Amino acid sequence: MPDGSMARFDYPITRLPDYPMQIARVVGTVVSTQKHRALAGATLLLVQPLNLDGTPRGVALLAVDGVGAGVREKVLVVLEGRAAGEALNRKAAPVDAAVIGIIDHVECDAD
């Protein structure tokens, strides 16, 4: 925030459908000076899940970046804790979501 105050997000407590991988857009970064030792050096991103037409779906999620994604990039996110940790080579890390790919193009047959 310009005045130095922290932004506050009041998200409703909802869950997205249990799809293990989703398309999302990186909407921000998160800085954490104190975190679990298994996450030392990890980059944290705020990602917004998307519908196939690119419109936002549900609430933004916190994900560990495994590919060097930047703000405004469309990404592939895995949402299962064990799979997310394994995708990052951090098997013992407390990870629920991980960015595992940067999407260049999405093509969808609308039948």
PDB file of N, CA and C in Angstrom:
ATOM      1  N   MET A   1       0.860  -1.164   0.000  1.00  0.00           N
ATOM      2  CA  MET A   1       0.000   0.000   0.000  1.00  0.00           C
ATOM      3  C   MET A   1       0.911   1.234   0.000  1.00  0.00           C
ATOM      4  N   PRO A   2       0.506   2.326  -0.658  1.00  0.00           N
ATOM      5  CA  PRO A   2       1.338   3.512  -0.750  1.00  0.00           C
ATOM      6  C   PRO A   2       1.696   4.130   0.597  1.00  0.00           C
ATOM      7  N   ASP A   3       0.786   4.013   1.590  1.00  0.00           N
ATOM      8  CA  ASP A   3       1.042   4.629   2.890  1.00  0.00           C
ATOM      9  C   ASP A   3       1.851   3.717   3.819  1.00  0.00           C
ATOM     10  N   GLY A   4       2.282   2.547   3.316  1.00  0.00           N
ATOM     11  CA  GLY A   4       3.083   1.627   4.111  1.00  0.00           C
ATOM     12  C   GLY A   4       2.267   0.643   4.927  1.00  0.00           C
ATOM     13  N   SER A   5       0.940   0.774   4.909  1.00  0.00           N
ATOM     14  CA  SER A   5       0.116  -0.162   5.668  1.00  0.00           C
ATOM     15  C   SER A   5      -0.012  -1.475   4.899  1.00  0.00           C
ATOM     16  N   MET A   6      -0.397  -2.513   5.590  1.00  0.00           N
ATOM     17  CA  MET A   6      -0.560  -3.823   4.981  1.00  0.00           C
ATOM     18  C   MET A   6      -1.943  -3.929   4.355  1.00  0.00           C
ATOM     19  N   ALA A   7      -2.015  -4.584   3.202  1.00  0.00           N
ATOM     20  CA  ALA A   7      -3.307  -4.842   2.578  1.00  0.00           C
ATOM     21  C   ALA A   7      -4.014  -5.935   3.372  1.00  0.00           C
ATOM     22  N   ARG A   8      -5.325  -5.859   3.459  1.00  0.00           N
ATOM     23  CA  ARG A   8      -6.086  -6.871   4.170  1.00  0.00           C
ATOM     24  C   ARG A   8      -7.048  -7.522   3.202  1.00  0.00           C
ATOM     25  N   PHE A   9      -7.060  -8.839   3.176  1.00  0.00           N
ATOM     26  CA  PHE A   9      -7.942  -9.581   2.292  1.00  0.00           C
ATOM     27  C   PHE A   9      -8.961 -10.320   3.139  1.00  0.00           C
ATOM     28  N   ASP A  10     -10.227 -10.029   2.945  1.00  0.00           N
ATOM     29  CA  ASP A  10     -11.296 -10.715   3.655  1.00  0.00           C
ATOM     30  C   ASP A  10     -11.981 -11.668   2.686  1.00  0.00           C
ATOM     31  N   TYR A  11     -11.391 -12.849   2.509  1.00  0.00           N
ATOM     32  CA  TYR A  11     -11.953 -13.832   1.595  1.00  0.00           C
ATOM     33  C   TYR A  11     -12.972 -14.681   2.329  1.00  0.00           C
ATOM     34  N   PRO A  12     -14.069 -15.011   1.640  1.00  0.00           N
ATOM     35  CA  PRO A  12     -14.996 -15.961   2.251  1.00  0.00           C
ATOM     36  C   PRO A  12     -14.312 -17.325   2.315  1.00  0.00           C
ATOM     37  N   ILE A  13     -14.683 -18.116   3.282  1.00  0.00           N
ATOM     38  CA  ILE A  13     -14.095 -19.446   3.404  1.00  0.00           C
ATOM     39  C   ILE A  13     -14.847 -20.363   2.452  1.00  0.00           C
ATOM     40  N   THR A  14     -14.243 -20.581   1.296  1.00  0.00           N
ATOM     41  CA  THR A  14     -14.826 -21.460   0.290  1.00  0.00           C
ATOM     42  C   THR A  14     -13.710 -22.325  -0.270  1.00  0.00           C
ATOM     43  N   ARG A  15     -14.093 -23.408  -0.918  1.00  0.00           N
ATOM     44  CA  ARG A  15     -13.122 -24.280  -1.569  1.00  0.00           C
ATOM     45  C   ARG A  15     -13.455 -24.367  -3.037  1.00  0.00           C
ATOM     46  N   LEU A  16     -12.410 -24.420  -3.835  1.00  0.00           N
ATOM     47  CA  LEU A  16     -12.584 -24.688  -5.246  1.00  0.00           C
ATOM     48  C   LEU A  16     -12.839 -26.180  -5.411  1.00  0.00           C
ATOM     49  N   PRO A  17     -13.427 -26.586  -6.532  1.00  0.00           N
ATOM     50  CA  PRO A  17     -13.591 -28.025  -6.751  1.00  0.00           C
ATOM     51  C   PRO A  17     -12.238 -28.714  -6.651  1.00  0.00           C
ATOM     52  N   ASP A  18     -12.240 -29.961  -6.247  1.00  0.00           N
ATOM     53  CA  ASP A  18     -11.000 -30.694  -6.028  1.00  0.00           C
ATOM     54  C   ASP A  18     -10.384 -31.194  -7.328  1.00  0.00           C
ATOM     55  N   TYR A  19      -9.885 -30.278  -8.126  1.00  0.00           N
ATOM     56  CA  TYR A  19      -9.131 -30.633  -9.315  1.00  0.00           C
ATOM     57  C   TYR A  19      -7.666 -30.516  -8.945  1.00  0.00           C
ATOM     58  N   PRO A  20      -6.874 -31.560  -9.162  1.00  0.00           N
ATOM     59  CA  PRO A  20      -5.485 -31.521  -8.712  1.00  0.00           C
ATOM     60  C   PRO A  20      -4.612 -30.503  -9.438  1.00  0.00           C
ATOM     61  N   MET A  21      -4.964 -30.122 -10.678  1.00  0.00           N
ATOM     62  CA  MET A  21      -4.196 -29.090 -11.384  1.00  0.00           C
ATOM     63  C   MET A  21      -5.167 -28.058 -11.933  1.00  0.00           C
ATOM     64  N   GLN A  22      -4.740 -26.796 -11.879  1.00  0.00           N
ATOM     65  CA  GLN A  22      -5.591 -25.708 -12.340  1.00  0.00           C
ATOM     66  C   GLN A  22      -4.773 -24.672 -13.089  1.00  0.00           C
ATOM     67  N   ILE A  23      -5.478 -23.929 -13.929  1.00  0.00           N
ATOM     68  CA  ILE A  23      -4.885 -22.778 -14.602  1.00  0.00           C
ATOM     69  C   ILE A  23      -5.138 -21.570 -13.714  1.00  0.00           C
ATOM     70  N   ALA A  24      -4.119 -20.731 -13.552  1.00  0.00           N
ATOM     71  CA  ALA A  24      -4.245 -19.544 -12.699  1.00  0.00           C
ATOM     72  C   ALA A  24      -3.390 -18.420 -13.274  1.00  0.00           C
ATOM     73  N   ARG A  25      -3.596 -17.219 -12.749  1.00  0.00           N
ATOM     74  CA  ARG A  25      -2.760 -16.072 -13.106  1.00  0.00           C
ATOM     75  C   ARG A  25      -2.074 -15.567 -11.845  1.00  0.00           C
ATOM     76  N   VAL A  26      -0.792 -15.273 -11.951  1.00  0.00           N
ATOM     77  CA  VAL A  26      -0.056 -14.724 -10.813  1.00  0.00           C
ATOM     78  C   VAL A  26      -0.513 -13.277 -10.624  1.00  0.00           C
ATOM     79  N   VAL A  27      -1.040 -12.976  -9.438  1.00  0.00           N
ATOM     80  CA  VAL A  27      -1.549 -11.633  -9.166  1.00  0.00           C
ATOM     81  C   VAL A  27      -0.706 -10.884  -8.139  1.00  0.00           C
ATOM     82  N   GLY A  28       0.280 -11.565  -7.566  1.00  0.00           N
ATOM     83  CA  GLY A  28       1.125 -10.876  -6.604  1.00  0.00           C
ATOM     84  C   GLY A  28       2.188 -11.793  -6.028  1.00  0.00           C
ATOM     85  N   THR A  29       3.061 -11.199  -5.253  1.00  0.00           N
ATOM     86  CA  THR A  29       4.100 -11.944  -4.554  1.00  0.00           C
ATOM     87  C   THR A  29       3.897 -11.774  -3.054  1.00  0.00           C
ATOM     88  N   VAL A  30       4.432 -12.703  -2.293  1.00  0.00           N
ATOM     89  CA  VAL A  30       4.324 -12.658  -0.844  1.00  0.00           C
ATOM     90  C   VAL A  30       5.727 -12.751  -0.269  1.00  0.00           C
ATOM     91  N   VAL A  31       6.072 -11.821   0.617  1.00  0.00           N
ATOM     92  CA  VAL A  31       7.369 -11.835   1.279  1.00  0.00           C
ATOM     93  C   VAL A  31       7.166 -12.329   2.700  1.00  0.00           C
ATOM     94  N   SER A  32       7.944 -13.349   3.056  1.00  0.00           N
ATOM     95  CA  SER A  32       7.857 -13.915   4.400  1.00  0.00           C
ATOM     96  C   SER A  32       9.269 -14.105   4.930  1.00  0.00           C
ATOM     97  N   THR A  33       9.635 -13.327   5.933  1.00  0.00           N
ATOM     98  CA  THR A  33      10.987 -13.445   6.490  1.00  0.00           C
ATOM     99  C   THR A  33      11.102 -14.617   7.460  1.00  0.00           C
ATOM    100  N   GLN A  34       9.986 -15.063   7.998  1.00  0.00           N
ATOM    101  CA  GLN A  34       9.970 -16.214   8.896  1.00  0.00           C
ATOM    102  C   GLN A  34       9.061 -17.270   8.284  1.00  0.00           C
ATOM    103  N   LYS A  35       9.616 -18.434   7.945  1.00  0.00           N
ATOM    104  CA  LYS A  35       8.817 -19.519   7.393  1.00  0.00           C
ATOM    105  C   LYS A  35       9.466 -20.850   7.725  1.00  0.00           C
ATOM    106  N   HIS A  36       8.757 -21.921   7.497  1.00  0.00           N
ATOM    107  CA  HIS A  36       9.242 -23.268   7.761  1.00  0.00           C
ATOM    108  C   HIS A  36      10.590 -23.473   7.077  1.00  0.00           C
ATOM    109  N   ARG A  37      11.497 -24.153   7.745  1.00  0.00           N
ATOM    110  CA  ARG A  37      12.856 -24.319   7.207  1.00  0.00           C
ATOM    111  C   ARG A  37      12.877 -25.037   5.858  1.00  0.00           C
ATOM    112  N   ALA A  38      11.897 -25.889   5.595  1.00  0.00           N
ATOM    113  CA  ALA A  38      11.840 -26.586   4.304  1.00  0.00           C
ATOM    114  C   ALA A  38      11.499 -25.628   3.162  1.00  0.00           C
ATOM    115  N   LEU A  39      11.026 -24.423   3.495  1.00  0.00           N
ATOM    116  CA  LEU A  39      10.686 -23.426   2.478  1.00  0.00           C
ATOM    117  C   LEU A  39      11.748 -22.340   2.350  1.00  0.00           C
ATOM    118  N   ALA A  40      12.882 -22.525   3.002  1.00  0.00           N
ATOM    119  CA  ALA A  40      13.960 -21.533   2.916  1.00  0.00           C
ATOM    120  C   ALA A  40      14.356 -21.330   1.453  1.00  0.00           C
ATOM    121  N   GLY A  41      14.380 -20.086   1.026  1.00  0.00           N
ATOM    122  CA  GLY A  41      14.747 -19.752  -0.347  1.00  0.00           C
ATOM    123  C   GLY A  41      13.617 -19.864  -1.344  1.00  0.00           C
ATOM    124  N   ALA A  42      12.460 -20.341  -0.924  1.00  0.00           N
ATOM    125  CA  ALA A  42      11.324 -20.495  -1.840  1.00  0.00           C
ATOM    126  C   ALA A  42      10.646 -19.152  -2.093  1.00  0.00           C
ATOM    127  N   THR A  43      10.154 -18.977  -3.312  1.00  0.00           N
ATOM    128  CA  THR A  43       9.383 -17.784  -3.670  1.00  0.00           C
ATOM    129  C   THR A  43       7.907 -18.108  -3.513  1.00  0.00           C
ATOM    130  N   LEU A  44       7.183 -17.234  -2.841  1.00  0.00           N
ATOM    131  CA  LEU A  44       5.746 -17.412  -2.630  1.00  0.00           C
ATOM    132  C   LEU A  44       4.977 -16.472  -3.549  1.00  0.00           C
ATOM    133  N   LEU A  45       3.967 -17.014  -4.212  1.00  0.00           N
ATOM    134  CA  LEU A  45       3.155 -16.234  -5.144  1.00  0.00           C
ATOM    135  C   LEU A  45       1.690 -16.287  -4.758  1.00  0.00           C
ATOM    136  N   LEU A  46       0.978 -15.214  -5.037  1.00  0.00           N
ATOM    137  CA  LEU A  46      -0.468 -15.180  -4.904  1.00  0.00           C
ATOM    138  C   LEU A  46      -1.021 -15.432  -6.300  1.00  0.00           C
ATOM    139  N   VAL A  47      -1.792 -16.513  -6.467  1.00  0.00           N
ATOM    140  CA  VAL A  47      -2.320 -16.881  -7.780  1.00  0.00           C
ATOM    141  C   VAL A  47      -3.842 -16.909  -7.755  1.00  0.00           C
ATOM    142  N   GLN A  48      -4.444 -16.436  -8.853  1.00  0.00           N
ATOM    143  CA  GLN A  48      -5.895 -16.410  -8.998  1.00  0.00           C
ATOM    144  C   GLN A  48      -6.315 -17.494  -9.979  1.00  0.00           C
ATOM    145  N   PRO A  49      -7.036 -18.539  -9.516  1.00  0.00           N
ATOM    146  CA  PRO A  49      -7.525 -19.551 -10.452  1.00  0.00           C
ATOM    147  C   PRO A  49      -8.414 -18.921 -11.524  1.00  0.00           C
ATOM    148  N   LEU A  50      -8.386 -19.516 -12.727  1.00  0.00           N
ATOM    149  CA  LEU A  50      -9.119 -18.972 -13.872  1.00  0.00           C
ATOM    150  C   LEU A  50     -10.047 -20.011 -14.481  1.00  0.00           C
ATOM    151  N   ASN A  51     -11.142 -19.527 -15.057  1.00  0.00           N
ATOM    152  CA  ASN A  51     -11.973 -20.348 -15.921  1.00  0.00           C
ATOM    153  C   ASN A  51     -11.252 -20.477 -17.262  1.00  0.00           C
ATOM    154  N   LEU A  52     -11.722 -21.369 -18.128  1.00  0.00           N
ATOM    155  CA  LEU A  52     -11.081 -21.540 -19.430  1.00  0.00           C
ATOM    156  C   LEU A  52     -11.119 -20.280 -20.283  1.00  0.00           C
ATOM    157  N   ASP A  53     -12.112 -19.402 -20.044  1.00  0.00           N
ATOM    158  CA  ASP A  53     -12.181 -18.156 -20.817  1.00  0.00           C
ATOM    159  C   ASP A  53     -11.302 -17.055 -20.230  1.00  0.00           C
ATOM    160  N   GLY A  54     -10.563 -17.371 -19.163  1.00  0.00           N
ATOM    161  CA  GLY A  54      -9.642 -16.412 -18.568  1.00  0.00           C
ATOM    162  C   GLY A  54     -10.224 -15.553 -17.467  1.00  0.00           C
ATOM    163  N   THR A  55     -11.492 -15.727 -17.139  1.00  0.00           N
ATOM    164  CA  THR A  55     -12.102 -14.953 -16.061  1.00  0.00           C
ATOM    165  C   THR A  55     -11.752 -15.575 -14.704  1.00  0.00           C
ATOM    166  N   PRO A  56     -11.644 -14.750 -13.659  1.00  0.00           N
ATOM    167  CA  PRO A  56     -11.295 -15.274 -12.332  1.00  0.00           C
ATOM    168  C   PRO A  56     -12.347 -16.251 -11.821  1.00  0.00           C
ATOM    169  N   ARG A  57     -11.874 -17.262 -11.068  1.00  0.00           N
ATOM    170  CA  ARG A  57     -12.755 -18.271 -10.490  1.00  0.00           C
ATOM    171  C   ARG A  57     -12.338 -18.508  -9.052  1.00  0.00           C
ATOM    172  N   GLY A  58     -13.244 -18.324  -8.129  1.00  0.00           N
ATOM    173  CA  GLY A  58     -12.943 -18.573  -6.726  1.00  0.00           C
ATOM    174  C   GLY A  58     -12.035 -17.518  -6.124  1.00  0.00           C
ATOM    175  N   VAL A  59     -11.328 -17.919  -5.091  1.00  0.00           N
ATOM    176  CA  VAL A  59     -10.462 -17.008  -4.342  1.00  0.00           C
ATOM    177  C   VAL A  59      -9.005 -17.223  -4.715  1.00  0.00           C
ATOM    178  N   ALA A  60      -8.192 -16.205  -4.497  1.00  0.00           N
ATOM    179  CA  ALA A  60      -6.755 -16.317  -4.759  1.00  0.00           C
ATOM    180  C   ALA A  60      -6.131 -17.293  -3.766  1.00  0.00           C
ATOM    181  N   LEU A  61      -5.062 -17.949  -4.216  1.00  0.00           N
ATOM    182  CA  LEU A  61      -4.360 -18.951  -3.422  1.00  0.00           C
ATOM    183  C   LEU A  61      -2.902 -18.566  -3.251  1.00  0.00           C
ATOM    184  N   LEU A  62      -2.292 -19.034  -2.183  1.00  0.00           N
ATOM    185  CA  LEU A  62      -0.861 -18.872  -1.978  1.00  0.00           C
ATOM    186  C   LEU A  62      -0.188 -20.132  -2.504  1.00  0.00           C
ATOM    187  N   ALA A  63       0.804 -19.967  -3.380  1.00  0.00           N
ATOM    188  CA  ALA A  63       1.493 -21.114  -3.969  1.00  0.00           C
ATOM    189  C   ALA A  63       3.002 -20.889  -3.946  1.00  0.00           C
ATOM    190  N   VAL A  64       3.740 -21.976  -3.833  1.00  0.00           N
ATOM    191  CA  VAL A  64       5.197 -21.921  -3.895  1.00  0.00           C
ATOM    192  C   VAL A  64       5.586 -22.000  -5.373  1.00  0.00           C
ATOM    193  N   ASP A  65       6.459 -21.100  -5.801  1.00  0.00           N
ATOM    194  CA  ASP A  65       6.876 -21.035  -7.206  1.00  0.00           C
ATOM    195  C   ASP A  65       8.008 -22.016  -7.470  1.00  0.00           C
ATOM    196  N   GLY A  66       7.814 -22.864  -8.479  1.00  0.00           N
ATOM    197  CA  GLY A  66       8.844 -23.817  -8.852  1.00  0.00           C
ATOM    198  C   GLY A  66       9.455 -23.554 -10.206  1.00  0.00           C
ATOM    199  N   VAL A  67       9.011 -22.464 -10.886  1.00  0.00           N
ATOM    200  CA  VAL A  67       9.451 -22.238 -12.267  1.00  0.00           C
ATOM    201  C   VAL A  67       9.909 -20.820 -12.567  1.00  0.00           C
ATOM    202  N   GLY A  68       9.900 -19.933 -11.601  1.00  0.00           N
ATOM    203  CA  GLY A  68      10.319 -18.552 -11.845  1.00  0.00           C
ATOM    204  C   GLY A  68       9.259 -17.704 -12.510  1.00  0.00           C
ATOM    205  N   ALA A  69       7.994 -17.942 -12.177  1.00  0.00           N
ATOM    206  CA  ALA A  69       6.884 -17.190 -12.768  1.00  0.00           C
ATOM    207  C   ALA A  69       6.847 -15.765 -12.228  1.00  0.00           C
ATOM    208  N   GLY A  70       6.302 -14.860 -13.029  1.00  0.00           N
ATOM    209  CA  GLY A  70       6.182 -13.472 -12.627  1.00  0.00           C
ATOM    210  C   GLY A  70       4.740 -13.011 -12.583  1.00  0.00           C
ATOM    211  N   VAL A  71       4.521 -11.861 -12.001  1.00  0.00           N
ATOM    212  CA  VAL A  71       3.185 -11.278 -11.894  1.00  0.00           C
ATOM    213  C   VAL A  71       2.604 -11.103 -13.297  1.00  0.00           C
ATOM    214  N   ARG A  72       1.332 -11.406 -13.450  1.00  0.00           N
ATOM    215  CA  ARG A  72       0.536 -11.349 -14.675  1.00  0.00           C
ATOM    216  C   ARG A  72       0.719 -12.552 -15.601  1.00  0.00           C
ATOM    217  N   GLU A  73       1.620 -13.467 -15.266  1.00  0.00           N
ATOM    218  CA  GLU A  73       1.772 -14.653 -16.109  1.00  0.00           C
ATOM    219  C   GLU A  73       0.700 -15.678 -15.782  1.00  0.00           C
ATOM    220  N   LYS A  74       0.268 -16.414 -16.817  1.00  0.00           N
ATOM    221  CA  LYS A  74      -0.673 -17.506 -16.652  1.00  0.00           C
ATOM    222  C   LYS A  74       0.148 -18.749 -16.334  1.00  0.00           C
ATOM    223  N   VAL A  75      -0.261 -19.490 -15.302  1.00  0.00           N
ATOM    224  CA  VAL A  75       0.533 -20.602 -14.808  1.00  0.00           C
ATOM    225  C   VAL A  75      -0.317 -21.850 -14.581  1.00  0.00           C
ATOM    226  N   LEU A  76       0.381 -22.978 -14.457  1.00  0.00           N
ATOM    227  CA  LEU A  76      -0.229 -24.249 -14.096  1.00  0.00           C
ATOM    228  C   LEU A  76       0.087 -24.498 -12.625  1.00  0.00           C
ATOM    229  N   VAL A  77      -0.956 -24.761 -11.840  1.00  0.00           N
ATOM    230  CA  VAL A  77      -0.807 -24.938 -10.389  1.00  0.00           C
ATOM    231  C   VAL A  77      -1.284 -26.330 -10.005  1.00  0.00           C
ATOM    232  N   VAL A  78      -0.486 -27.049  -9.220  1.00  0.00           N
ATOM    233  CA  VAL A  78      -0.900 -28.328  -8.658  1.00  0.00           C
ATOM    234  C   VAL A  78      -1.334 -28.066  -7.215  1.00  0.00           C
ATOM    235  N   LEU A  79      -2.489 -28.662  -6.832  1.00  0.00           N
ATOM    236  CA  LEU A  79      -3.101 -28.332  -5.548  1.00  0.00           C
ATOM    237  C   LEU A  79      -3.070 -29.435  -4.504  1.00  0.00           C
ATOM    238  N   GLU A  80      -2.527 -30.555  -4.802  1.00  0.00           N
ATOM    239  CA  GLU A  80      -2.460 -31.611  -3.793  1.00  0.00           C
ATOM    240  C   GLU A  80      -1.153 -31.479  -3.035  1.00  0.00           C
ATOM    241  N   GLY A  81      -1.230 -31.449  -1.716  1.00  0.00           N
ATOM    242  CA  GLY A  81      -0.050 -31.213  -0.902  1.00  0.00           C
ATOM    243  C   GLY A  81       1.143 -32.089  -1.224  1.00  0.00           C
ATOM    244  N   ARG A  82       0.947 -33.406  -1.253  1.00  0.00           N
ATOM    245  CA  ARG A  82       2.073 -34.300  -1.514  1.00  0.00           C
ATOM    246  C   ARG A  82       2.619 -34.091  -2.923  1.00  0.00           C
ATOM    247  N   ALA A  83       1.734 -34.003  -3.907  1.00  0.00           N
ATOM    248  CA  ALA A  83       2.179 -33.782  -5.289  1.00  0.00           C
ATOM    249  C   ALA A  83       2.856 -32.428  -5.437  1.00  0.00           C
ATOM    250  N   ALA A  84       2.349 -31.421  -4.732  1.00  0.00           N
ATOM    251  CA  ALA A  84       2.946 -30.088  -4.802  1.00  0.00           C
ATOM    252  C   ALA A  84       4.359 -30.103  -4.237  1.00  0.00           C
ATOM    253  N   GLY A  85       4.542 -30.737  -3.102  1.00  0.00           N
ATOM    254  CA  GLY A  85       5.871 -30.826  -2.500  1.00  0.00           C
ATOM    255  C   GLY A  85       6.841 -31.603  -3.376  1.00  0.00           C
ATOM    256  N   GLU A  86       6.384 -32.710  -3.951  1.00  0.00           N
ATOM    257  CA  GLU A  86       7.237 -33.515  -4.814  1.00  0.00           C
ATOM    258  C   GLU A  86       7.610 -32.759  -6.087  1.00  0.00           C
ATOM    259  N   ALA A  87       6.671 -31.985  -6.633  1.00  0.00           N
ATOM    260  CA  ALA A  87       6.947 -31.213  -7.844  1.00  0.00           C
ATOM    261  C   ALA A  87       8.049 -30.187  -7.610  1.00  0.00           C
ATOM    262  N   LEU A  88       8.191 -29.754  -6.378  1.00  0.00           N
ATOM    263  CA  LEU A  88       9.200 -28.753  -6.025  1.00  0.00           C
ATOM    264  C   LEU A  88      10.478 -29.382  -5.464  1.00  0.00           C
ATOM    265  N   ASN A  89      10.530 -30.710  -5.422  1.00  0.00           N
ATOM    266  CA  ASN A  89      11.635 -31.417  -4.780  1.00  0.00           C
ATOM    267  C   ASN A  89      11.772 -31.015  -3.314  1.00  0.00           C
ATOM    268  N   ARG A  90      10.641 -30.781  -2.675  1.00  0.00           N
ATOM    269  CA  ARG A  90      10.583 -30.433  -1.251  1.00  0.00           C
ATOM    270  C   ARG A  90       9.566 -31.355  -0.591  1.00  0.00           C
ATOM    271  N   LYS A  91       9.866 -32.642  -0.561  1.00  0.00           N
ATOM    272  CA  LYS A  91       8.903 -33.660  -0.133  1.00  0.00           C
ATOM    273  C   LYS A  91       8.422 -33.485   1.307  1.00  0.00           C
ATOM    274  N   ALA A  92       9.250 -32.959   2.171  1.00  0.00           N
ATOM    275  CA  ALA A  92       8.852 -32.796   3.564  1.00  0.00           C
ATOM    276  C   ALA A  92       8.283 -31.405   3.852  1.00  0.00           C
ATOM    277  N   ALA A  93       8.192 -30.561   2.826  1.00  0.00           N
ATOM    278  CA  ALA A  93       7.720 -29.183   3.040  1.00  0.00           C
ATOM    279  C   ALA A  93       6.202 -29.143   3.192  1.00  0.00           C
ATOM    280  N   PRO A  94       5.712 -28.245   4.036  1.00  0.00           N
ATOM    281  CA  PRO A  94       4.269 -28.077   4.204  1.00  0.00           C
ATOM    282  C   PRO A  94       3.705 -27.230   3.052  1.00  0.00           C
ATOM    283  N   VAL A  95       3.491 -27.866   1.911  1.00  0.00           N
ATOM    284  CA  VAL A  95       3.045 -27.166   0.704  1.00  0.00           C
ATOM    285  C   VAL A  95       1.690 -27.710   0.272  1.00  0.00           C
ATOM    286  N   ASP A  96       0.726 -26.819   0.038  1.00  0.00           N
ATOM    287  CA  ASP A  96      -0.583 -27.220  -0.475  1.00  0.00           C
ATOM    288  C   ASP A  96      -0.741 -26.899  -1.956  1.00  0.00           C
ATOM    289  N   ALA A  97      -0.001 -25.901  -2.454  1.00  0.00           N
ATOM    290  CA  ALA A  97      -0.127 -25.500  -3.864  1.00  0.00           C
ATOM    291  C   ALA A  97       1.252 -25.108  -4.387  1.00  0.00           C
ATOM    292  N   ALA A  98       1.520 -25.519  -5.633  1.00  0.00           N
ATOM    293  CA  ALA A  98       2.804 -25.204  -6.246  1.00  0.00           C
ATOM    294  C   ALA A  98       2.602 -24.807  -7.702  1.00  0.00           C
ATOM    295  N   VAL A  99       3.316 -23.775  -8.130  1.00  0.00           N
ATOM    296  CA  VAL A  99       3.327 -23.383  -9.538  1.00  0.00           C
ATOM    297  C   VAL A  99       4.344 -24.289 -10.216  1.00  0.00           C
ATOM    298  N   ILE A 100       3.877 -25.091 -11.200  1.00  0.00           N
ATOM    299  CA  ILE A 100       4.757 -26.065 -11.837  1.00  0.00           C
ATOM    300  C   ILE A 100       4.950 -25.807 -13.330  1.00  0.00           C
ATOM    301  N   GLY A 101       4.335 -24.750 -13.854  1.00  0.00           N
ATOM    302  CA  GLY A 101       4.513 -24.441 -15.270  1.00  0.00           C
ATOM    303  C   GLY A 101       4.030 -23.050 -15.599  1.00  0.00           C
ATOM    304  N   ILE A 102       4.643 -22.454 -16.638  1.00  0.00           N
ATOM    305  CA  ILE A 102       4.181 -21.176 -17.185  1.00  0.00           C
ATOM    306  C   ILE A 102       3.484 -21.503 -18.493  1.00  0.00           C
ATOM    307  N   ILE A 103       2.254 -21.034 -18.646  1.00  0.00           N
ATOM    308  CA  ILE A 103       1.435 -21.365 -19.818  1.00  0.00           C
ATOM    309  C   ILE A 103       1.671 -20.338 -20.914  1.00  0.00           C
ATOM    310  N   ASP A 104       2.001 -20.830 -22.097  1.00  0.00           N
ATOM    311  CA  ASP A 104       2.191 -19.963 -23.251  1.00  0.00           C
ATOM    312  C   ASP A 104       0.886 -19.768 -24.019  1.00  0.00           C
ATOM    313  N   HIS A 105       0.086 -20.834 -24.112  1.00  0.00           N
ATOM    314  CA  HIS A 105      -1.128 -20.772 -24.931  1.00  0.00           C
ATOM    315  C   HIS A 105      -2.098 -21.850 -24.462  1.00  0.00           C
ATOM    316  N   VAL A 106      -3.384 -21.530 -24.452  1.00  0.00           N
ATOM    317  CA  VAL A 106      -4.424 -22.503 -24.141  1.00  0.00           C
ATOM    318  C   VAL A 106      -5.349 -22.582 -25.333  1.00  0.00           C
ATOM    319  N   GLU A 107      -5.544 -23.787 -25.840  1.00  0.00           N
ATOM    320  CA  GLU A 107      -6.484 -24.012 -26.938  1.00  0.00           C
ATOM    321  C   GLU A 107      -7.533 -24.970 -26.454  1.00  0.00           C
ATOM    322  N   CYS A 108      -8.808 -24.615 -26.628  1.00  0.00           N
ATOM    323  CA  CYS A 108      -9.894 -25.416 -26.100  1.00  0.00           C
ATOM    324  C   CYS A 108     -10.964 -25.586 -27.172  1.00  0.00           C
ATOM    325  N   ASP A 109     -11.345 -26.828 -27.444  1.00  0.00           N
ATOM    326  CA  ASP A 109     -12.421 -27.118 -28.388  1.00  0.00           C
ATOM    327  C   ASP A 109     -13.733 -26.890 -27.665  1.00  0.00           C
ATOM    328  N   ALA A 110     -14.528 -25.960 -28.145  1.00  0.00           N
ATOM    329  CA  ALA A 110     -15.751 -25.539 -27.437  1.00  0.00           C
ATOM    330  C   ALA A 110     -16.975 -26.395 -27.745  1.00  0.00           C
ATOM    331  N   ASP A 111     -16.810 -27.650 -28.141  1.00  0.00           N
ATOM    332  CA  ASP A 111     -17.983 -28.501 -28.429  1.00  0.00           C
ATOM    333  C   ASP A 111     -18.742 -28.830 -27.215  1.00  0.00           C
TER     334      ASP A 111
END
